[in-house]
PDB file of all heavy atoms in Angstrom:
ATOM      1  N   ARG A   1      14.123   8.054   9.415  1.00  0.00           N
ATOM      2  CA  ARG A   1      14.792   9.365   9.151  1.00  0.00           C
ATOM      3  C   ARG A   1      13.919  10.487   8.890  1.00  0.00           C
ATOM      4  O   ARG A   1      12.712  10.304   8.420  1.00  0.00           O
ATOM      5  CB  ARG A   1      15.774   9.195   7.931  1.00  0.00           C
ATOM      6  CG  ARG A   1      15.094   8.896   6.634  1.00  0.00           C
ATOM      7  CD  ARG A   1      16.140   8.544   5.487  1.00  0.00           C
ATOM      8  NE  ARG A   1      15.492   8.368   4.281  1.00  0.00           N
ATOM      9  CZ  ARG A   1      16.187   7.973   3.204  1.00  0.00           C
ATOM     10  NH1 ARG A   1      17.487   7.659   3.279  1.00  0.00           N
ATOM     11  NH2 ARG A   1      15.602   7.769   2.025  1.00  0.00           N
ATOM     12  N   GLN A   2      14.414  11.686   9.132  1.00  0.00           N
ATOM     13  CA  GLN A   2      13.599  12.878   8.854  1.00  0.00           C
ATOM     14  C   GLN A   2      14.522  13.908   8.236  1.00  0.00           C
ATOM     15  O   GLN A   2      15.499  14.375   8.868  1.00  0.00           O
ATOM     16  CB  GLN A   2      12.950  13.397  10.168  1.00  0.00           C
ATOM     17  CG  GLN A   2      11.924  14.529   9.969  1.00  0.00           C
ATOM     18  CD  GLN A   2      11.147  14.828  11.207  1.00  0.00           C
ATOM     19  OE1 GLN A   2      11.454  14.429  12.324  1.00  0.00           O
ATOM     20  NE2 GLN A   2       9.990  15.473  10.973  1.00  0.00           N
ATOM     21  N   ALA A   3      14.077  14.325   7.003  1.00  0.00           N
ATOM     22  CA  ALA A   3      14.794  15.341   6.345  1.00  0.00           C
ATOM     23  C   ALA A   3      14.111  16.726   6.627  1.00  0.00           C
ATOM     24  O   ALA A   3      12.971  16.725   7.032  1.00  0.00           O
ATOM     25  CB  ALA A   3      14.816  15.131   4.833  1.00  0.00           C
ATOM     26  N   PRO A   4      14.870  17.827   6.455  1.00  0.00           N
ATOM     27  CA  PRO A   4      14.279  19.148   6.667  1.00  0.00           C
ATOM     28  C   PRO A   4      13.012  19.359   5.957  1.00  0.00           C
ATOM     29  O   PRO A   4      13.061  19.098   4.652  1.00  0.00           O
ATOM     30  CB  PRO A   4      15.330  20.084   6.347  1.00  0.00           C
ATOM     31  CG  PRO A   4      16.600  19.345   6.454  1.00  0.00           C
ATOM     32  CD  PRO A   4      16.219  17.909   6.060  1.00  0.00           C
ATOM     33  N   GLY A   5      11.895  19.780   6.531  1.00  0.00           N
ATOM     34  CA  GLY A   5      10.712  20.005   5.902  1.00  0.00           C
ATOM     35  C   GLY A   5       9.877  18.848   5.486  1.00  0.00           C
ATOM     36  O   GLY A   5       8.858  18.936   4.864  1.00  0.00           O
ATOM     37  N   LYS A   6      10.303  17.639   5.921  1.00  0.00           N
ATOM     38  CA  LYS A   6       9.605  16.385   5.529  1.00  0.00           C
ATOM     39  C   LYS A   6       9.229  15.560   6.814  1.00  0.00           C
ATOM     40  O   LYS A   6       9.724  15.874   7.860  1.00  0.00           O
ATOM     41  CB  LYS A   6      10.540  15.546   4.670  1.00  0.00           C
ATOM     42  CG  LYS A   6      10.793  16.153   3.271  1.00  0.00           C
ATOM     43  CD  LYS A   6      11.518  15.149   2.420  1.00  0.00           C
ATOM     44  CE  LYS A   6      11.748  15.697   1.016  1.00  0.00           C
ATOM     45  NZ  LYS A   6      12.447  14.825   0.084  1.00  0.00           N
ATOM     46  N   GLU A   7       8.324  14.685   6.703  1.00  0.00           N
ATOM     47  CA  GLU A   7       7.891  13.879   7.758  1.00  0.00           C
ATOM     48  C   GLU A   7       8.871  12.784   7.945  1.00  0.00           C
ATOM     49  O   GLU A   7       9.663  12.347   7.051  1.00  0.00           O
ATOM     50  CB  GLU A   7       6.544  13.291   7.395  1.00  0.00           C
ATOM     51  CG  GLU A   7       5.337  14.313   7.294  1.00  0.00           C
ATOM     52  CD  GLU A   7       4.052  13.712   7.236  1.00  0.00           C
ATOM     53  OE1 GLU A   7       3.956  12.472   7.105  1.00  0.00           O
ATOM     54  OE2 GLU A   7       2.958  14.362   7.327  1.00  0.00           O
ATOM     55  N   ARG A   8       8.846  12.206   9.188  1.00  0.00           N
ATOM     56  CA  ARG A   8       9.726  11.105   9.502  1.00  0.00           C
ATOM     57  C   ARG A   8       9.269   9.938   8.672  1.00  0.00           C
ATOM     58  O   ARG A   8       8.031   9.622   8.556  1.00  0.00           O
ATOM     59  CB  ARG A   8       9.642  10.784  10.918  1.00  0.00           C
ATOM     60  CG  ARG A   8      10.673   9.854  11.477  1.00  0.00           C
ATOM     61  CD  ARG A   8      10.781   9.777  12.977  1.00  0.00           C
ATOM     62  NE  ARG A   8      11.164  11.066  13.623  1.00  0.00           N
ATOM     63  CZ  ARG A   8      11.333  11.179  14.898  1.00  0.00           C
ATOM     64  NH1 ARG A   8      11.262  10.166  15.649  1.00  0.00           N
ATOM     65  NH2 ARG A   8      11.672  12.383  15.418  1.00  0.00           N
ATOM     66  N   GLU A   9      10.194   9.144   8.178  1.00  0.00           N
ATOM     67  CA  GLU A   9       9.859   8.001   7.314  1.00  0.00           C
ATOM     68  C   GLU A   9      10.686   6.787   7.710  1.00  0.00           C
ATOM     69  O   GLU A   9      11.800   6.893   8.261  1.00  0.00           O
ATOM     70  CB  GLU A   9      10.057   8.316   5.793  1.00  0.00           C
ATOM     71  CG  GLU A   9      11.495   8.595   5.473  1.00  0.00           C
ATOM     72  CD  GLU A   9      11.721   8.831   3.974  1.00  0.00           C
ATOM     73  OE1 GLU A   9      10.771   8.846   3.215  1.00  0.00           O
ATOM     74  OE2 GLU A   9      12.908   8.886   3.579  1.00  0.00           O
ATOM     75  N   LEU A  10      10.138   5.642   7.371  1.00  0.00           N
ATOM     76  CA  LEU A  10      10.687   4.423   7.694  1.00  0.00           C
ATOM     77  C   LEU A  10      11.946   4.233   6.786  1.00  0.00           C
ATOM     78  O   LEU A  10      11.873   4.483   5.545  1.00  0.00           O
ATOM     79  CB  LEU A  10       9.775   3.188   7.403  1.00  0.00           C
ATOM     80  CG  LEU A  10      10.404   1.815   7.394  1.00  0.00           C
ATOM     81  CD1 LEU A  10      10.688   1.306   8.732  1.00  0.00           C
ATOM     82  CD2 LEU A  10       9.383   0.814   6.634  1.00  0.00           C
ATOM     83  N   VAL A  11      13.095   3.725   7.319  1.00  0.00           N
ATOM     84  CA  VAL A  11      14.199   3.316   6.538  1.00  0.00           C
ATOM     85  C   VAL A  11      14.237   1.774   6.438  1.00  0.00           C
ATOM     86  O   VAL A  11      14.249   1.203   5.342  1.00  0.00           O
ATOM     87  CB  VAL A  11      15.479   3.857   7.106  1.00  0.00           C
ATOM     88  CG1 VAL A  11      16.709   3.423   6.254  1.00  0.00           C
ATOM     89  CG2 VAL A  11      15.456   5.452   7.142  1.00  0.00           C
ATOM     90  N   ALA A  12      14.351   1.192   7.657  1.00  0.00           N
ATOM     91  CA  ALA A  12      14.497  -0.310   7.685  1.00  0.00           C
ATOM     92  C   ALA A  12      14.176  -0.784   9.110  1.00  0.00           C
ATOM     93  O   ALA A  12      14.471  -0.046  10.021  1.00  0.00           O
ATOM     94  CB  ALA A  12      15.895  -0.784   7.285  1.00  0.00           C
ATOM     95  N   THR A  13      13.607  -1.942   9.228  1.00  0.00           N
ATOM     96  CA  THR A  13      13.372  -2.534  10.500  1.00  0.00           C
ATOM     97  C   THR A  13      13.771  -4.005  10.474  1.00  0.00           C
ATOM     98  O   THR A  13      13.840  -4.644   9.414  1.00  0.00           O
ATOM     99  CB  THR A  13      11.863  -2.522  10.865  1.00  0.00           C
ATOM    100  OG1 THR A  13      11.166  -3.206   9.900  1.00  0.00           O
ATOM    101  CG2 THR A  13      11.338  -1.124  11.040  1.00  0.00           C
ATOM    102  N   VAL A  14      14.073  -4.586  11.675  1.00  0.00           N
ATOM    103  CA  VAL A  14      14.382  -5.987  11.771  1.00  0.00           C
ATOM    104  C   VAL A  14      13.742  -6.505  13.107  1.00  0.00           C
ATOM    105  O   VAL A  14      13.943  -5.869  14.166  1.00  0.00           O
ATOM    106  CB  VAL A  14      15.861  -6.276  11.670  1.00  0.00           C
ATOM    107  CG1 VAL A  14      16.618  -5.518  12.754  1.00  0.00           C
ATOM    108  CG2 VAL A  14      16.177  -7.779  11.813  1.00  0.00           C
ATOM    109  N   SER A  15      13.014  -7.586  13.025  1.00  0.00           N
ATOM    110  CA  SER A  15      12.431  -8.137  14.230  1.00  0.00           C
ATOM    111  C   SER A  15      13.403  -9.024  14.948  1.00  0.00           C
ATOM    112  O   SER A  15      14.462  -9.366  14.396  1.00  0.00           O
ATOM    113  CB  SER A  15      11.117  -8.964  13.826  1.00  0.00           C
ATOM    114  OG  SER A  15      11.559 -10.145  13.212  1.00  0.00           O
ATOM    115  N   SER A  16      13.006  -9.387  16.157  1.00  0.00           N
ATOM    116  CA  SER A  16      13.892 -10.300  16.974  1.00  0.00           C
ATOM    117  C   SER A  16      13.901 -11.699  16.298  1.00  0.00           C
ATOM    118  O   SER A  16      14.723 -12.443  16.786  1.00  0.00           O
ATOM    119  CB  SER A  16      13.285 -10.322  18.369  1.00  0.00           C
ATOM    120  OG  SER A  16      11.962 -10.670  18.391  1.00  0.00           O
ATOM    121  N   THR A  17      12.953 -11.942  15.383  1.00  0.00           N
ATOM    122  CA  THR A  17      13.059 -13.258  14.672  1.00  0.00           C
ATOM    123  C   THR A  17      13.751 -13.174  13.403  1.00  0.00           C
ATOM    124  O   THR A  17      13.881 -14.190  12.592  1.00  0.00           O
ATOM    125  CB  THR A  17      11.606 -13.793  14.472  1.00  0.00           C
ATOM    126  OG1 THR A  17      10.864 -12.756  13.574  1.00  0.00           O
ATOM    127  CG2 THR A  17      10.818 -13.993  15.672  1.00  0.00           C
ATOM    128  N   GLY A  18      14.250 -12.001  13.004  1.00  0.00           N
ATOM    129  CA  GLY A  18      15.098 -11.823  11.801  1.00  0.00           C
ATOM    130  C   GLY A  18      14.408 -11.300  10.690  1.00  0.00           C
ATOM    131  O   GLY A  18      14.983 -11.189   9.552  1.00  0.00           O
ATOM    132  N   LEU A  19      13.116 -11.014  10.765  1.00  0.00           N
ATOM    133  CA  LEU A  19      12.424 -10.584   9.604  1.00  0.00           C
ATOM    134  C   LEU A  19      12.740  -9.120   9.349  1.00  0.00           C
ATOM    135  O   LEU A  19      12.609  -8.261  10.280  1.00  0.00           O
ATOM    136  CB  LEU A  19      10.845 -10.599   9.885  1.00  0.00           C
ATOM    137  CG  LEU A  19       9.918 -10.306   8.792  1.00  0.00           C
ATOM    138  CD1 LEU A  19      10.105 -11.271   7.566  1.00  0.00           C
ATOM    139  CD2 LEU A  19       8.409 -10.303   9.224  1.00  0.00           C
ATOM    140  N   THR A  20      13.141  -8.766   8.091  1.00  0.00           N
ATOM    141  CA  THR A  20      13.492  -7.423   7.700  1.00  0.00           C
ATOM    142  C   THR A  20      12.534  -6.725   6.799  1.00  0.00           C
ATOM    143  O   THR A  20      11.752  -7.359   6.100  1.00  0.00           O
ATOM    144  CB  THR A  20      14.870  -7.395   7.046  1.00  0.00           C
ATOM    145  OG1 THR A  20      14.812  -8.211   6.014  1.00  0.00           O
ATOM    146  CG2 THR A  20      15.899  -7.961   8.004  1.00  0.00           C
ATOM    147  N   ASN A  21      12.511  -5.440   6.854  1.00  0.00           N
ATOM    148  CA  ASN A  21      11.699  -4.640   6.027  1.00  0.00           C
ATOM    149  C   ASN A  21      12.466  -3.341   5.639  1.00  0.00           C
ATOM    150  O   ASN A  21      13.054  -2.743   6.522  1.00  0.00           O
ATOM    151  CB  ASN A  21      10.383  -4.242   6.743  1.00  0.00           C
ATOM    152  CG  ASN A  21       9.450  -3.438   5.864  1.00  0.00           C
ATOM    153  OD1 ASN A  21       9.261  -3.707   4.764  1.00  0.00           O
ATOM    154  ND2 ASN A  21       8.807  -2.421   6.418  1.00  0.00           N
ATOM    155  N   TYR A  22      12.430  -2.984   4.383  1.00  0.00           N
ATOM    156  CA  TYR A  22      13.126  -1.839   3.852  1.00  0.00           C
ATOM    157  C   TYR A  22      12.201  -0.952   3.077  1.00  0.00           C
ATOM    158  O   TYR A  22      11.338  -1.330   2.309  1.00  0.00           O
ATOM    159  CB  TYR A  22      14.303  -2.234   2.859  1.00  0.00           C
ATOM    160  CG  TYR A  22      15.425  -3.090   3.630  1.00  0.00           C
ATOM    161  CD1 TYR A  22      15.367  -4.450   3.627  1.00  0.00           C
ATOM    162  CD2 TYR A  22      16.501  -2.362   4.140  1.00  0.00           C
ATOM    163  CE1 TYR A  22      16.424  -5.107   4.234  1.00  0.00           C
ATOM    164  CE2 TYR A  22      17.636  -3.083   4.702  1.00  0.00           C
ATOM    165  CZ  TYR A  22      17.530  -4.413   4.777  1.00  0.00           C
ATOM    166  OH  TYR A  22      18.529  -5.121   5.366  1.00  0.00           O
ATOM    167  N   ALA A  23      12.563   0.390   3.220  1.00  0.00           N
ATOM    168  CA  ALA A  23      11.910   1.377   2.306  1.00  0.00           C
ATOM    169  C   ALA A  23      12.430   1.135   0.921  1.00  0.00           C
ATOM    170  O   ALA A  23      13.526   0.720   0.662  1.00  0.00           O
ATOM    171  CB  ALA A  23      12.229   2.722   2.684  1.00  0.00           C
ATOM    172  N   ASP A  24      11.549   1.313  -0.130  1.00  0.00           N
ATOM    173  CA  ASP A  24      11.906   1.061  -1.462  1.00  0.00           C
ATOM    174  C   ASP A  24      13.143   1.892  -1.882  1.00  0.00           C
ATOM    175  O   ASP A  24      13.994   1.411  -2.662  1.00  0.00           O
ATOM    176  CB  ASP A  24      10.784   1.409  -2.455  1.00  0.00           C
ATOM    177  CG  ASP A  24       9.745   0.334  -2.355  1.00  0.00           C
ATOM    178  OD1 ASP A  24       9.892  -0.695  -1.896  1.00  0.00           O
ATOM    179  OD2 ASP A  24       8.619   0.657  -2.813  1.00  0.00           O
ATOM    180  N   SER A  25      13.293   3.073  -1.333  1.00  0.00           N
ATOM    181  CA  SER A  25      14.365   3.941  -1.660  1.00  0.00           C
ATOM    182  C   SER A  25      15.653   3.527  -1.249  1.00  0.00           C
ATOM    183  O   SER A  25      16.769   4.093  -1.775  1.00  0.00           O
ATOM    184  CB  SER A  25      14.008   5.406  -1.158  1.00  0.00           C
ATOM    185  OG  SER A  25      13.957   5.333   0.245  1.00  0.00           O
ATOM    186  N   VAL A  26      15.783   2.600  -0.299  1.00  0.00           N
ATOM    187  CA  VAL A  26      17.095   2.121   0.138  1.00  0.00           C
ATOM    188  C   VAL A  26      17.359   0.682  -0.136  1.00  0.00           C
ATOM    189  O   VAL A  26      18.494   0.270   0.173  1.00  0.00           O
ATOM    190  CB  VAL A  26      17.149   2.438   1.656  1.00  0.00           C
ATOM    191  CG1 VAL A  26      16.897   3.868   2.039  1.00  0.00           C
ATOM    192  CG2 VAL A  26      16.296   1.449   2.559  1.00  0.00           C
ATOM    193  N   LYS A  27      16.452  -0.051  -0.679  1.00  0.00           N
ATOM    194  CA  LYS A  27      16.695  -1.455  -1.039  1.00  0.00           C
ATOM    195  C   LYS A  27      17.904  -1.573  -1.987  1.00  0.00           C
ATOM    196  O   LYS A  27      18.020  -0.878  -2.934  1.00  0.00           O
ATOM    197  CB  LYS A  27      15.387  -2.013  -1.710  1.00  0.00           C
ATOM    198  CG  LYS A  27      14.239  -2.350  -0.745  1.00  0.00           C
ATOM    199  CD  LYS A  27      13.025  -2.890  -1.457  1.00  0.00           C
ATOM    200  CE  LYS A  27      11.890  -3.173  -0.471  1.00  0.00           C
ATOM    201  NZ  LYS A  27      10.758  -3.661  -1.159  1.00  0.00           N
ATOM    202  N   GLY A  28      18.714  -2.584  -1.532  1.00  0.00           N
ATOM    203  CA  GLY A  28      19.855  -2.843  -2.449  1.00  0.00           C
ATOM    204  C   GLY A  28      21.072  -1.944  -2.051  1.00  0.00           C
ATOM    205  O   GLY A  28      22.245  -2.171  -2.441  1.00  0.00           O
ATOM    206  N   ARG A  29      20.834  -0.933  -1.154  1.00  0.00           N
ATOM    207  CA  ARG A  29      21.939   0.006  -0.761  1.00  0.00           C
ATOM    208  C   ARG A  29      22.201  -0.121   0.678  1.00  0.00           C
ATOM    209  O   ARG A  29      23.369  -0.017   1.135  1.00  0.00           O
ATOM    210  CB  ARG A  29      21.594   1.382  -1.149  1.00  0.00           C
ATOM    211  CG  ARG A  29      21.379   1.627  -2.628  1.00  0.00           C
ATOM    212  CD  ARG A  29      21.242   3.137  -2.925  1.00  0.00           C
ATOM    213  NE  ARG A  29      20.116   3.777  -2.385  1.00  0.00           N
ATOM    214  CZ  ARG A  29      20.236   4.780  -1.498  1.00  0.00           C
ATOM    215  NH1 ARG A  29      21.448   5.306  -1.195  1.00  0.00           N
ATOM    216  NH2 ARG A  29      19.141   5.313  -0.919  1.00  0.00           N
ATOM    217  N   PHE A  30      21.179  -0.253   1.421  1.00  0.00           N
ATOM    218  CA  PHE A  30      21.283  -0.308   2.964  1.00  0.00           C
ATOM    219  C   PHE A  30      21.026  -1.736   3.448  1.00  0.00           C
ATOM    220  O   PHE A  30      20.186  -2.557   2.866  1.00  0.00           O
ATOM    221  CB  PHE A  30      20.197   0.555   3.600  1.00  0.00           C
ATOM    222  CG  PHE A  30      20.432   2.092   3.445  1.00  0.00           C
ATOM    223  CD1 PHE A  30      21.379   2.535   2.506  1.00  0.00           C
ATOM    224  CD2 PHE A  30      19.676   2.974   4.130  1.00  0.00           C
ATOM    225  CE1 PHE A  30      21.531   3.920   2.352  1.00  0.00           C
ATOM    226  CE2 PHE A  30      19.895   4.353   3.899  1.00  0.00           C
ATOM    227  CZ  PHE A  30      20.800   4.822   3.047  1.00  0.00           C
ATOM    228  N   THR A  31      21.676  -2.143   4.577  1.00  0.00           N
ATOM    229  CA  THR A  31      21.522  -3.405   5.178  1.00  0.00           C
ATOM    230  C   THR A  31      21.360  -3.243   6.683  1.00  0.00           C
ATOM    231  O   THR A  31      22.201  -2.642   7.300  1.00  0.00           O
ATOM    232  CB  THR A  31      22.649  -4.376   4.838  1.00  0.00           C
ATOM    233  OG1 THR A  31      22.804  -4.468   3.421  1.00  0.00           O
ATOM    234  CG2 THR A  31      22.393  -5.765   5.524  1.00  0.00           C
ATOM    235  N   ILE A  32      20.261  -3.751   7.239  1.00  0.00           N
ATOM    236  CA  ILE A  32      20.038  -3.744   8.719  1.00  0.00           C
ATOM    237  C   ILE A  32      20.443  -5.050   9.231  1.00  0.00           C
ATOM    238  O   ILE A  32      20.123  -6.117   8.652  1.00  0.00           O
ATOM    239  CB  ILE A  32      18.579  -3.327   8.974  1.00  0.00           C
ATOM    240  CG1 ILE A  32      18.428  -3.002  10.459  1.00  0.00           C
ATOM    241  CG2 ILE A  32      17.599  -4.387   8.524  1.00  0.00           C
ATOM    242  CD1 ILE A  32      17.109  -2.254  10.767  1.00  0.00           C
ATOM    243  N   SER A  33      20.906  -5.065  10.445  1.00  0.00           N
ATOM    244  CA  SER A  33      21.288  -6.260  11.178  1.00  0.00           C
ATOM    245  C   SER A  33      21.215  -6.039  12.613  1.00  0.00           C
ATOM    246  O   SER A  33      21.184  -4.962  13.125  1.00  0.00           O
ATOM    247  CB  SER A  33      22.816  -6.729  10.743  1.00  0.00           C
ATOM    248  OG  SER A  33      23.731  -5.657  11.136  1.00  0.00           O
ATOM    249  N   ARG A  34      21.146  -7.234  13.339  1.00  0.00           N
ATOM    250  CA  ARG A  34      21.024  -7.187  14.808  1.00  0.00           C
ATOM    251  C   ARG A  34      22.083  -7.949  15.454  1.00  0.00           C
ATOM    252  O   ARG A  34      22.524  -9.004  14.938  1.00  0.00           O
ATOM    253  CB  ARG A  34      19.644  -7.699  15.193  1.00  0.00           C
ATOM    254  CG  ARG A  34      18.497  -6.865  14.847  1.00  0.00           C
ATOM    255  CD  ARG A  34      17.245  -7.232  15.447  1.00  0.00           C
ATOM    256  NE  ARG A  34      17.190  -7.211  16.924  1.00  0.00           N
ATOM    257  CZ  ARG A  34      16.133  -7.033  17.679  1.00  0.00           C
ATOM    258  NH1 ARG A  34      14.976  -6.954  17.056  1.00  0.00           N
ATOM    259  NH2 ARG A  34      16.211  -7.003  18.967  1.00  0.00           N
ATOM    260  N   ASP A  35      22.484  -7.501  16.685  1.00  0.00           N
ATOM    261  CA  ASP A  35      23.337  -8.336  17.590  1.00  0.00           C
ATOM    262  C   ASP A  35      22.426  -8.565  18.751  1.00  0.00           C
ATOM    263  O   ASP A  35      22.291  -7.666  19.626  1.00  0.00           O
ATOM    264  CB  ASP A  35      24.484  -7.588  17.874  1.00  0.00           C
ATOM    265  CG  ASP A  35      25.508  -8.364  18.831  1.00  0.00           C
ATOM    266  OD1 ASP A  35      25.016  -9.258  19.528  1.00  0.00           O
ATOM    267  OD2 ASP A  35      26.670  -8.107  18.825  1.00  0.00           O
TER     268      ASP A  35
END
């Protein structure tokens, strides 16, 4: 995501093997999933 006046930053990723990674600011609030 990129907010006005700020750099683009990671929110969350998920690999094809199911490994997930979240920014600290969204942990516990956001959930990433794949189909």
